[in-house]
Amino acid sequence: MRCGCDVSNPMVAGPFTNWQPFLVPSNLGLSSSPNPTNGLSRVQFSPQEEDRVSLEVYDLNGRLIQEIYSGMADPATSYQFDFDGSALSQGVYLYRLTTSSAVINEKFMITK
C-alpha cells in the first residue's frame, strides 16, 4: 500500500496478511435517555459477549469529559449508568463505548 503525495518518495506500509472487513456491531445496544437532556441522563449498553469495555463522555472537539466505566462486561448483564452533565455548557456530546473490536458513539444533547 502506498500513500503520500510525493511520487518520487512514497511512504510504503508493510505487508498485510489478509483483508479484514470493517464491521460496526449494532448488538451492543448503546443508548441514552432522555435525549435531549438538561444534563442528567442515563446511558446503557448490553454486550453480547464477555469483553473489556470503556464508556466515556467526549465533547465534539474530541476532549474527554469523563470516564464513566472501565472494566469487564458480562453478556448476561444490561449495564446502566447515570451521568450528571448539568455543569457542562449547552451543546452536543458523545457517549463512546470502546470494546476490543469496536468503537461506538451515541450523540446526546444538553439543553438549558
N, C-alpha and C. Protein backbone atom coordinates (compact mmCIF):
# COMPACT_ATOMS: atom_id res chain seq x y z
N MET A 1 0.86 -1.17 0.00
CA MET A 1 0.00 0.00 0.00
C MET A 1 0.89 1.22 0.00
N ARG A 2 0.64 2.13 -0.89
CA ARG A 2 1.42 3.35 -0.95
C ARG A 2 0.54 4.54 -0.63
N CYS A 3 1.13 5.48 0.04
CA CYS A 3 0.38 6.70 0.34
C CYS A 3 1.36 7.87 0.35
N GLY A 4 0.85 9.04 0.32
CA GLY A 4 1.68 10.23 0.28
C GLY A 4 1.53 10.94 -1.05
N CYS A 5 1.95 12.17 -1.11
CA CYS A 5 1.78 12.98 -2.31
C CYS A 5 3.03 13.01 -3.18
N ASP A 6 4.17 12.68 -2.62
CA ASP A 6 5.42 12.76 -3.35
C ASP A 6 5.65 11.44 -4.09
N VAL A 7 5.44 11.42 -5.41
CA VAL A 7 5.56 10.22 -6.22
C VAL A 7 6.97 9.67 -6.21
N SER A 8 7.98 10.56 -6.09
CA SER A 8 9.37 10.09 -6.12
C SER A 8 9.80 9.43 -4.81
N ASN A 9 9.06 9.68 -3.72
CA ASN A 9 9.43 9.12 -2.43
C ASN A 9 8.17 8.77 -1.63
N PRO A 10 7.37 7.81 -2.14
CA PRO A 10 6.13 7.48 -1.41
C PRO A 10 6.43 6.71 -0.13
N MET A 11 5.53 6.84 0.83
CA MET A 11 5.63 6.03 2.04
C MET A 11 5.00 4.68 1.73
N VAL A 12 5.60 3.63 2.22
CA VAL A 12 5.08 2.29 1.98
C VAL A 12 4.75 1.65 3.33
N ALA A 13 3.51 1.18 3.46
CA ALA A 13 3.09 0.48 4.67
C ALA A 13 3.32 -1.00 4.45
N GLY A 14 3.84 -1.67 5.44
CA GLY A 14 4.23 -3.07 5.35
C GLY A 14 3.11 -4.02 4.99
N PRO A 15 3.47 -5.26 4.68
CA PRO A 15 2.53 -6.21 4.09
C PRO A 15 1.36 -6.53 5.01
N PHE A 16 0.22 -6.71 4.39
CA PHE A 16 -0.98 -7.12 5.09
C PHE A 16 -1.14 -8.62 4.90
N THR A 17 -1.50 -9.32 5.93
CA THR A 17 -1.64 -10.77 5.81
C THR A 17 -2.95 -11.17 5.16
N ASN A 18 -4.01 -10.43 5.42
CA ASN A 18 -5.29 -10.69 4.77
C ASN A 18 -6.20 -9.48 4.94
N TRP A 19 -7.27 -9.47 4.19
CA TRP A 19 -8.23 -8.36 4.22
C TRP A 19 -9.18 -8.56 5.39
N GLN A 20 -9.37 -7.53 6.21
CA GLN A 20 -10.29 -7.59 7.33
C GLN A 20 -11.39 -6.57 7.10
N PRO A 21 -12.63 -7.01 6.91
CA PRO A 21 -13.71 -6.05 6.71
C PRO A 21 -13.98 -5.26 7.98
N PHE A 22 -14.41 -4.03 7.80
CA PHE A 22 -14.75 -3.17 8.92
C PHE A 22 -16.22 -3.36 9.24
N LEU A 23 -16.50 -3.84 10.42
CA LEU A 23 -17.87 -4.09 10.83
C LEU A 23 -18.21 -3.20 12.01
N VAL A 24 -19.42 -2.69 12.03
CA VAL A 24 -19.91 -1.91 13.15
C VAL A 24 -20.97 -2.74 13.86
N PRO A 25 -20.62 -3.34 14.98
CA PRO A 25 -21.59 -4.18 15.65
C PRO A 25 -22.72 -3.35 16.24
N SER A 26 -23.93 -3.70 15.90
CA SER A 26 -25.08 -2.98 16.44
C SER A 26 -25.65 -3.73 17.63
N ASN A 27 -25.04 -4.86 17.98
CA ASN A 27 -25.59 -5.69 19.03
C ASN A 27 -25.20 -5.24 20.44
N LEU A 28 -24.49 -4.13 20.59
CA LEU A 28 -24.14 -3.64 21.91
C LEU A 28 -25.27 -2.81 22.51
N GLY A 29 -26.16 -2.33 21.68
CA GLY A 29 -27.33 -1.62 22.17
C GLY A 29 -27.01 -0.38 22.98
N LEU A 30 -26.06 0.42 22.56
CA LEU A 30 -25.72 1.65 23.27
C LEU A 30 -26.83 2.67 23.06
N SER A 31 -27.38 3.20 24.15
CA SER A 31 -28.43 4.22 24.04
C SER A 31 -28.40 5.10 25.28
N SER A 32 -29.02 6.26 25.16
CA SER A 32 -29.11 7.18 26.30
C SER A 32 -30.49 7.82 26.32
N SER A 33 -30.92 8.19 27.52
CA SER A 33 -32.20 8.88 27.66
C SER A 33 -32.17 9.71 28.94
N PRO A 34 -32.90 10.79 29.00
CA PRO A 34 -33.60 11.39 27.87
C PRO A 34 -32.60 12.06 26.94
N ASN A 35 -33.01 12.29 25.75
CA ASN A 35 -32.17 12.97 24.76
C ASN A 35 -33.07 13.80 23.86
N PRO A 36 -33.02 15.12 23.95
CA PRO A 36 -32.08 15.96 24.73
C PRO A 36 -32.36 15.89 26.23
N THR A 37 -31.35 16.35 26.97
CA THR A 37 -31.42 16.33 28.43
C THR A 37 -31.04 17.69 29.00
N ASN A 38 -31.43 17.94 30.24
CA ASN A 38 -30.99 19.16 30.92
C ASN A 38 -29.63 18.97 31.57
N GLY A 39 -29.07 17.77 31.41
CA GLY A 39 -27.75 17.46 31.97
C GLY A 39 -27.73 16.10 32.63
N LEU A 40 -28.85 15.67 33.17
CA LEU A 40 -28.93 14.36 33.81
C LEU A 40 -29.45 13.35 32.80
N SER A 41 -28.67 12.29 32.58
CA SER A 41 -29.10 11.27 31.62
C SER A 41 -28.62 9.90 32.08
N ARG A 42 -29.20 8.89 31.49
CA ARG A 42 -28.83 7.51 31.75
C ARG A 42 -28.36 6.89 30.44
N VAL A 43 -27.19 6.27 30.48
CA VAL A 43 -26.65 5.59 29.30
C VAL A 43 -26.63 4.11 29.62
N GLN A 44 -26.95 3.30 28.61
CA GLN A 44 -27.00 1.86 28.84
C GLN A 44 -26.46 1.10 27.63
N PHE A 45 -25.94 -0.08 27.90
CA PHE A 45 -25.49 -0.97 26.84
C PHE A 45 -25.61 -2.40 27.31
N SER A 46 -25.71 -3.32 26.35
CA SER A 46 -25.84 -4.75 26.64
C SER A 46 -24.89 -5.52 25.74
N PRO A 47 -23.75 -5.96 26.25
CA PRO A 47 -22.80 -6.71 25.41
C PRO A 47 -23.32 -8.10 25.09
N GLN A 48 -22.92 -8.62 23.94
CA GLN A 48 -23.31 -9.96 23.53
C GLN A 48 -22.27 -11.02 23.89
N GLU A 49 -21.08 -10.56 24.29
CA GLU A 49 -20.03 -11.48 24.71
C GLU A 49 -19.19 -10.80 25.78
N GLU A 50 -18.48 -11.59 26.56
CA GLU A 50 -17.62 -11.04 27.60
C GLU A 50 -16.48 -10.28 26.93
N ASP A 51 -16.24 -9.07 27.39
CA ASP A 51 -15.22 -8.24 26.77
C ASP A 51 -14.84 -7.13 27.73
N ARG A 52 -13.65 -6.59 27.56
CA ARG A 52 -13.24 -5.39 28.29
C ARG A 52 -13.84 -4.20 27.57
N VAL A 53 -14.49 -3.32 28.31
CA VAL A 53 -15.13 -2.15 27.71
C VAL A 53 -14.75 -0.89 28.48
N SER A 54 -14.83 0.24 27.79
CA SER A 54 -14.76 1.52 28.47
C SER A 54 -15.88 2.40 27.92
N LEU A 55 -16.49 3.15 28.80
CA LEU A 55 -17.56 4.06 28.45
C LEU A 55 -17.14 5.45 28.90
N GLU A 56 -17.07 6.38 27.95
CA GLU A 56 -16.58 7.73 28.23
C GLU A 56 -17.49 8.77 27.59
N VAL A 57 -17.39 10.00 28.09
CA VAL A 57 -18.11 11.13 27.52
C VAL A 57 -17.08 12.07 26.90
N TYR A 58 -17.35 12.49 25.65
CA TYR A 58 -16.48 13.42 24.92
C TYR A 58 -17.29 14.60 24.43
N ASP A 59 -16.62 15.74 24.27
CA ASP A 59 -17.27 16.84 23.56
C ASP A 59 -16.97 16.68 22.08
N LEU A 60 -17.54 17.54 21.24
CA LEU A 60 -17.37 17.40 19.80
C LEU A 60 -15.99 17.81 19.31
N ASN A 61 -15.15 18.37 20.19
CA ASN A 61 -13.76 18.67 19.85
C ASN A 61 -12.84 17.51 20.18
N GLY A 62 -13.41 16.40 20.66
CA GLY A 62 -12.62 15.22 20.98
C GLY A 62 -12.00 15.23 22.36
N ARG A 63 -12.39 16.18 23.20
CA ARG A 63 -11.85 16.24 24.56
C ARG A 63 -12.63 15.29 25.46
N LEU A 64 -11.89 14.51 26.23
CA LEU A 64 -12.51 13.61 27.19
C LEU A 64 -13.11 14.44 28.33
N ILE A 65 -14.40 14.24 28.57
CA ILE A 65 -15.08 14.94 29.66
C ILE A 65 -15.04 14.09 30.93
N GLN A 66 -15.39 12.80 30.78
CA GLN A 66 -15.42 11.92 31.95
C GLN A 66 -15.39 10.46 31.52
N GLU A 67 -14.65 9.65 32.26
CA GLU A 67 -14.72 8.21 32.08
C GLU A 67 -15.80 7.71 33.04
N ILE A 68 -16.80 7.02 32.49
CA ILE A 68 -17.91 6.53 33.30
C ILE A 68 -17.65 5.12 33.80
N TYR A 69 -17.10 4.27 32.94
CA TYR A 69 -16.86 2.88 33.33
C TYR A 69 -15.69 2.34 32.52
N SER A 70 -14.89 1.49 33.18
CA SER A 70 -13.83 0.76 32.51
C SER A 70 -13.67 -0.57 33.22
N GLY A 71 -13.85 -1.65 32.48
CA GLY A 71 -13.72 -2.96 33.09
C GLY A 71 -14.32 -4.04 32.20
N MET A 72 -14.45 -5.22 32.76
CA MET A 72 -15.03 -6.33 32.03
C MET A 72 -16.55 -6.20 32.01
N ALA A 73 -17.14 -6.60 30.90
CA ALA A 73 -18.60 -6.58 30.76
C ALA A 73 -19.08 -8.01 30.51
N ASP A 74 -20.09 -8.39 31.23
CA ASP A 74 -20.67 -9.73 31.18
C ASP A 74 -21.87 -9.73 30.23
N PRO A 75 -21.95 -10.69 29.33
CA PRO A 75 -23.05 -10.70 28.35
C PRO A 75 -24.42 -10.95 28.97
N ALA A 76 -24.48 -11.42 30.19
CA ALA A 76 -25.77 -11.68 30.84
C ALA A 76 -26.30 -10.45 31.56
N THR A 77 -25.62 -9.31 31.41
CA THR A 77 -25.96 -8.11 32.17
C THR A 77 -26.26 -6.94 31.25
N SER A 78 -27.27 -6.17 31.61
CA SER A 78 -27.54 -4.90 30.95
C SER A 78 -26.96 -3.81 31.86
N TYR A 79 -26.03 -3.04 31.35
CA TYR A 79 -25.34 -2.02 32.14
C TYR A 79 -26.04 -0.68 31.99
N GLN A 80 -26.26 0.00 33.12
CA GLN A 80 -26.87 1.33 33.13
C GLN A 80 -26.07 2.23 34.05
N PHE A 81 -25.77 3.43 33.56
CA PHE A 81 -25.02 4.40 34.34
C PHE A 81 -25.70 5.75 34.23
N ASP A 82 -25.77 6.46 35.35
CA ASP A 82 -26.29 7.82 35.35
C ASP A 82 -25.12 8.78 35.16
N PHE A 83 -25.33 9.76 34.30
CA PHE A 83 -24.30 10.77 34.04
C PHE A 83 -24.88 12.14 34.36
N ASP A 84 -24.16 12.91 35.17
CA ASP A 84 -24.59 14.26 35.52
C ASP A 84 -23.74 15.26 34.74
N GLY A 85 -24.30 15.75 33.65
CA GLY A 85 -23.61 16.75 32.84
C GLY A 85 -24.19 18.14 33.04
N SER A 86 -24.86 18.36 34.18
CA SER A 86 -25.51 19.65 34.41
C SER A 86 -24.53 20.81 34.50
N ALA A 87 -23.26 20.53 34.82
CA ALA A 87 -22.26 21.60 34.88
C ALA A 87 -21.68 21.93 33.50
N LEU A 88 -22.00 21.10 32.50
CA LEU A 88 -21.49 21.34 31.14
C LEU A 88 -22.33 22.39 30.44
N SER A 89 -21.73 23.04 29.46
CA SER A 89 -22.48 24.03 28.70
C SER A 89 -23.41 23.32 27.71
N GLN A 90 -24.40 24.05 27.27
CA GLN A 90 -25.36 23.54 26.30
C GLN A 90 -24.63 23.12 25.04
N GLY A 91 -25.02 21.99 24.46
CA GLY A 91 -24.39 21.53 23.23
C GLY A 91 -24.54 20.04 23.03
N VAL A 92 -23.81 19.53 22.02
CA VAL A 92 -23.86 18.11 21.67
C VAL A 92 -22.61 17.44 22.22
N TYR A 93 -22.80 16.26 22.79
CA TYR A 93 -21.71 15.47 23.37
C TYR A 93 -21.85 14.03 22.88
N LEU A 94 -20.84 13.22 23.16
CA LEU A 94 -20.83 11.83 22.73
C LEU A 94 -20.59 10.90 23.90
N TYR A 95 -21.39 9.85 23.96
CA TYR A 95 -21.02 8.69 24.76
C TYR A 95 -20.22 7.80 23.83
N ARG A 96 -19.05 7.36 24.26
CA ARG A 96 -18.21 6.49 23.44
C ARG A 96 -17.99 5.18 24.18
N LEU A 97 -18.44 4.09 23.57
CA LEU A 97 -18.25 2.75 24.11
C LEU A 97 -17.17 2.07 23.28
N THR A 98 -16.09 1.66 23.94
CA THR A 98 -14.97 1.02 23.26
C THR A 98 -14.83 -0.41 23.77
N THR A 99 -14.78 -1.35 22.83
CA THR A 99 -14.54 -2.76 23.16
C THR A 99 -13.27 -3.18 22.42
N SER A 100 -12.91 -4.44 22.53
CA SER A 100 -11.71 -4.92 21.84
C SER A 100 -11.89 -4.94 20.33
N SER A 101 -13.13 -4.89 19.85
CA SER A 101 -13.36 -4.98 18.41
C SER A 101 -14.15 -3.82 17.82
N ALA A 102 -14.58 -2.86 18.64
CA ALA A 102 -15.43 -1.80 18.11
C ALA A 102 -15.35 -0.53 18.95
N VAL A 103 -15.67 0.57 18.30
CA VAL A 103 -15.88 1.85 18.98
C VAL A 103 -17.22 2.37 18.49
N ILE A 104 -18.14 2.59 19.43
CA ILE A 104 -19.48 3.04 19.08
C ILE A 104 -19.75 4.36 19.79
N ASN A 105 -20.30 5.32 19.05
CA ASN A 105 -20.63 6.63 19.60
C ASN A 105 -22.14 6.84 19.59
N GLU A 106 -22.63 7.47 20.65
CA GLU A 106 -24.03 7.84 20.75
C GLU A 106 -24.07 9.33 21.09
N LYS A 107 -24.66 10.12 20.20
CA LYS A 107 -24.75 11.57 20.45
C LYS A 107 -25.88 11.85 21.43
N PHE A 108 -25.64 12.84 22.26
CA PHE A 108 -26.72 13.35 23.11
C PHE A 108 -26.54 14.85 23.25
N MET A 109 -27.67 15.52 23.49
CA MET A 109 -27.67 16.99 23.55
C MET A 109 -28.07 17.47 24.93
N ILE A 110 -27.31 18.45 25.40
CA ILE A 110 -27.66 19.12 26.66
C ILE A 110 -28.28 20.46 26.30
N THR A 111 -29.50 20.68 26.80
CA THR A 111 -30.20 21.96 26.60
C THR A 111 -30.51 22.55 27.96
N LYS A 112 -30.48 23.84 28.03
CA LYS A 112 -30.75 24.51 29.33
C LYS A 112 -31.82 25.56 29.17
